[in-house]
Structure formats: structure tokens, C-alpha cells
């Protein structure tokens, strides 16, 4: 499953090549975006009523904390 997520990350990177503000996910796969994608896949089912907003909220907070 992790290899599939990495393959998809490379595709997303290719799709966003022309966006000057886009931050690539590959090849490091260690950023907030990749971790959040993994959390949504692997932890999403554990969320109350399969509600993924808490995971997304935490990721947004992590980005804010990282940028300040």
C-alpha cells in the first residue's frame, strides 16, 4: 500500500509541475502532505463516523506551526 501511495505522489507531482507554489511530495516522502495522505488512508477508518476532518485539521495546524 505504501508503494502505491508513493507512486501516486509522483503522479501528483507531475500534474503540478507548472505550479510555482507547489511543493513536491517525492522523492523524500517525508513532508506533511504525504504523512496526511497516509493518515487519511490508514487512520481514516478509525475516525468517528469515518469523519476525516480531524486529520485534515491537524495537518493544517502542522503547516501553520511549521511556517511560523
C-alpha atoms as a PDB file:
ATOM      1  CA  UNK A   1       0.000   0.000   0.000  1.00  0.00           C
ATOM      2  CA  UNK A   2       2.806   2.430   0.841  1.00  0.00           C
ATOM      3  CA  UNK A   3       4.395   1.893  -2.575  1.00  0.00           C
ATOM      4  CA  UNK A   4       1.058   2.742  -4.193  1.00  0.00           C
ATOM      5  CA  UNK A   5       0.885   5.984  -2.224  1.00  0.00           C
ATOM      6  CA  UNK A   6       4.423   6.854  -3.286  1.00  0.00           C
ATOM      7  CA  UNK A   7       3.592   6.124  -6.922  1.00  0.00           C
ATOM      8  CA  UNK A   8       0.529   8.355  -6.694  1.00  0.00           C
ATOM      9  CA  UNK A   9       2.598  11.111  -5.061  1.00  0.00           C
ATOM     10  CA  UNK A  10       4.901  11.109  -8.084  1.00  0.00           C
ATOM     11  CA  UNK A  11       1.869  11.431 -10.361  1.00  0.00           C
ATOM     12  CA  UNK A  12       0.529  14.337  -8.306  1.00  0.00           C
ATOM     13  CA  UNK A  13       3.963  15.979  -8.531  1.00  0.00           C
ATOM     14  CA  UNK A  14       3.903  15.630 -12.316  1.00  0.00           C
ATOM     15  CA  UNK A  15       0.399  17.075 -12.500  1.00  0.00           C
ATOM     16  CA  UNK A  16       1.539  20.153 -10.578  1.00  0.00           C
ATOM     17  CA  UNK A  17       4.853  20.794 -12.375  1.00  0.00           C
ATOM     18  CA  UNK A  18       3.667  24.149 -13.702  1.00  0.00           C
ATOM     19  CA  UNK A  19       2.560  25.497 -10.315  1.00  0.00           C
ATOM     20  CA  UNK A  20       5.279  27.741  -8.917  1.00  0.00           C
ATOM     21  CA  UNK A  21       3.882  27.424  -5.385  1.00  0.00           C
ATOM     22  CA  UNK A  22       3.534  23.649  -5.381  1.00  0.00           C
ATOM     23  CA  UNK A  23       5.869  21.774  -3.050  1.00  0.00           C
ATOM     24  CA  UNK A  24       6.801  18.327  -4.406  1.00  0.00           C
ATOM     25  CA  UNK A  25       5.992  15.275  -2.320  1.00  0.00           C
ATOM     26  CA  UNK A  26       8.544  12.941  -3.899  1.00  0.00           C
ATOM     27  CA  UNK A  27      11.278  11.809  -3.682  1.00  0.00           C
ATOM     28  CA  UNK A  28      11.621  12.318   0.087  1.00  0.00           C
ATOM     29  CA  UNK A  29       8.024  11.446   1.053  1.00  0.00           C
ATOM     30  CA  UNK A  30       8.688  12.982   4.459  1.00  0.00           C
ATOM     31  CA  UNK A  31       6.543  16.105   4.325  1.00  0.00           C
ATOM     32  CA  UNK A  32       3.225  16.971   5.896  1.00  0.00           C
ATOM     33  CA  UNK A  33       1.284  16.316   2.666  1.00  0.00           C
ATOM     34  CA  UNK A  34       2.484  12.722   2.323  1.00  0.00           C
ATOM     35  CA  UNK A  35       2.034  12.000   6.028  1.00  0.00           C
ATOM     36  CA  UNK A  36      -1.504  13.361   5.873  1.00  0.00           C
ATOM     37  CA  UNK A  37      -2.338  11.274   2.808  1.00  0.00           C
ATOM     38  CA  UNK A  38      -1.093   8.196   4.660  1.00  0.00           C
ATOM     39  CA  UNK A  39      -3.083   9.147   7.755  1.00  0.00           C
ATOM     40  CA  UNK A  40      -6.249   9.536   5.693  1.00  0.00           C
ATOM     41  CA  UNK A  41      -5.753   6.070   4.219  1.00  0.00           C
ATOM     42  CA  UNK A  42      -4.536   4.217   7.296  1.00  0.00           C
ATOM     43  CA  UNK A  43      -6.295   6.109  10.111  1.00  0.00           C
ATOM     44  CA  UNK A  44      -9.403   7.386   8.342  1.00  0.00           C
ATOM     45  CA  UNK A  45     -11.475   4.372   9.280  1.00  0.00           C
ATOM     46  CA  UNK A  46     -10.623   4.872  12.968  1.00  0.00           C
ATOM     47  CA  UNK A  47     -12.163   8.341  12.966  1.00  0.00           C
ATOM     48  CA  UNK A  48     -15.614   8.825  14.496  1.00  0.00           C
ATOM     49  CA  UNK A  49     -18.208   8.144  11.766  1.00  0.00           C
ATOM     50  CA  UNK A  50     -15.311   7.940   9.265  1.00  0.00           C
ATOM     51  CA  UNK A  51     -15.088  11.735   9.564  1.00  0.00           C
ATOM     52  CA  UNK A  52     -11.627  12.738   8.323  1.00  0.00           C
ATOM     53  CA  UNK A  53     -11.755  16.442   9.131  1.00  0.00           C
ATOM     54  CA  UNK A  54      -9.804  15.992  12.426  1.00  0.00           C
ATOM     55  CA  UNK A  55      -6.882  14.536  10.461  1.00  0.00           C
ATOM     56  CA  UNK A  56      -7.033  17.362   7.929  1.00  0.00           C
ATOM     57  CA  UNK A  57      -7.335  19.976  10.663  1.00  0.00           C
ATOM     58  CA  UNK A  58      -4.238  18.588  12.378  1.00  0.00           C
ATOM     59  CA  UNK A  59      -2.323  18.680   9.100  1.00  0.00           C
ATOM     60  CA  UNK A  60      -3.303  22.319   8.522  1.00  0.00           C
ATOM     61  CA  UNK A  61      -2.166  23.148  12.051  1.00  0.00           C
ATOM     62  CA  UNK A  62       1.150  21.387  11.438  1.00  0.00           C
ATOM     63  CA  UNK A  63       1.691  23.501   8.316  1.00  0.00           C
ATOM     64  CA  UNK A  64       0.921  26.714  10.219  1.00  0.00           C
ATOM     65  CA  UNK A  65       3.281  25.699  13.029  1.00  0.00           C
ATOM     66  CA  UNK A  66       5.998  24.773  10.518  1.00  0.00           C
ATOM     67  CA  UNK A  67       5.709  28.129   8.720  1.00  0.00           C
ATOM     68  CA  UNK A  68       5.757  30.346  11.802  1.00  0.00           C
END
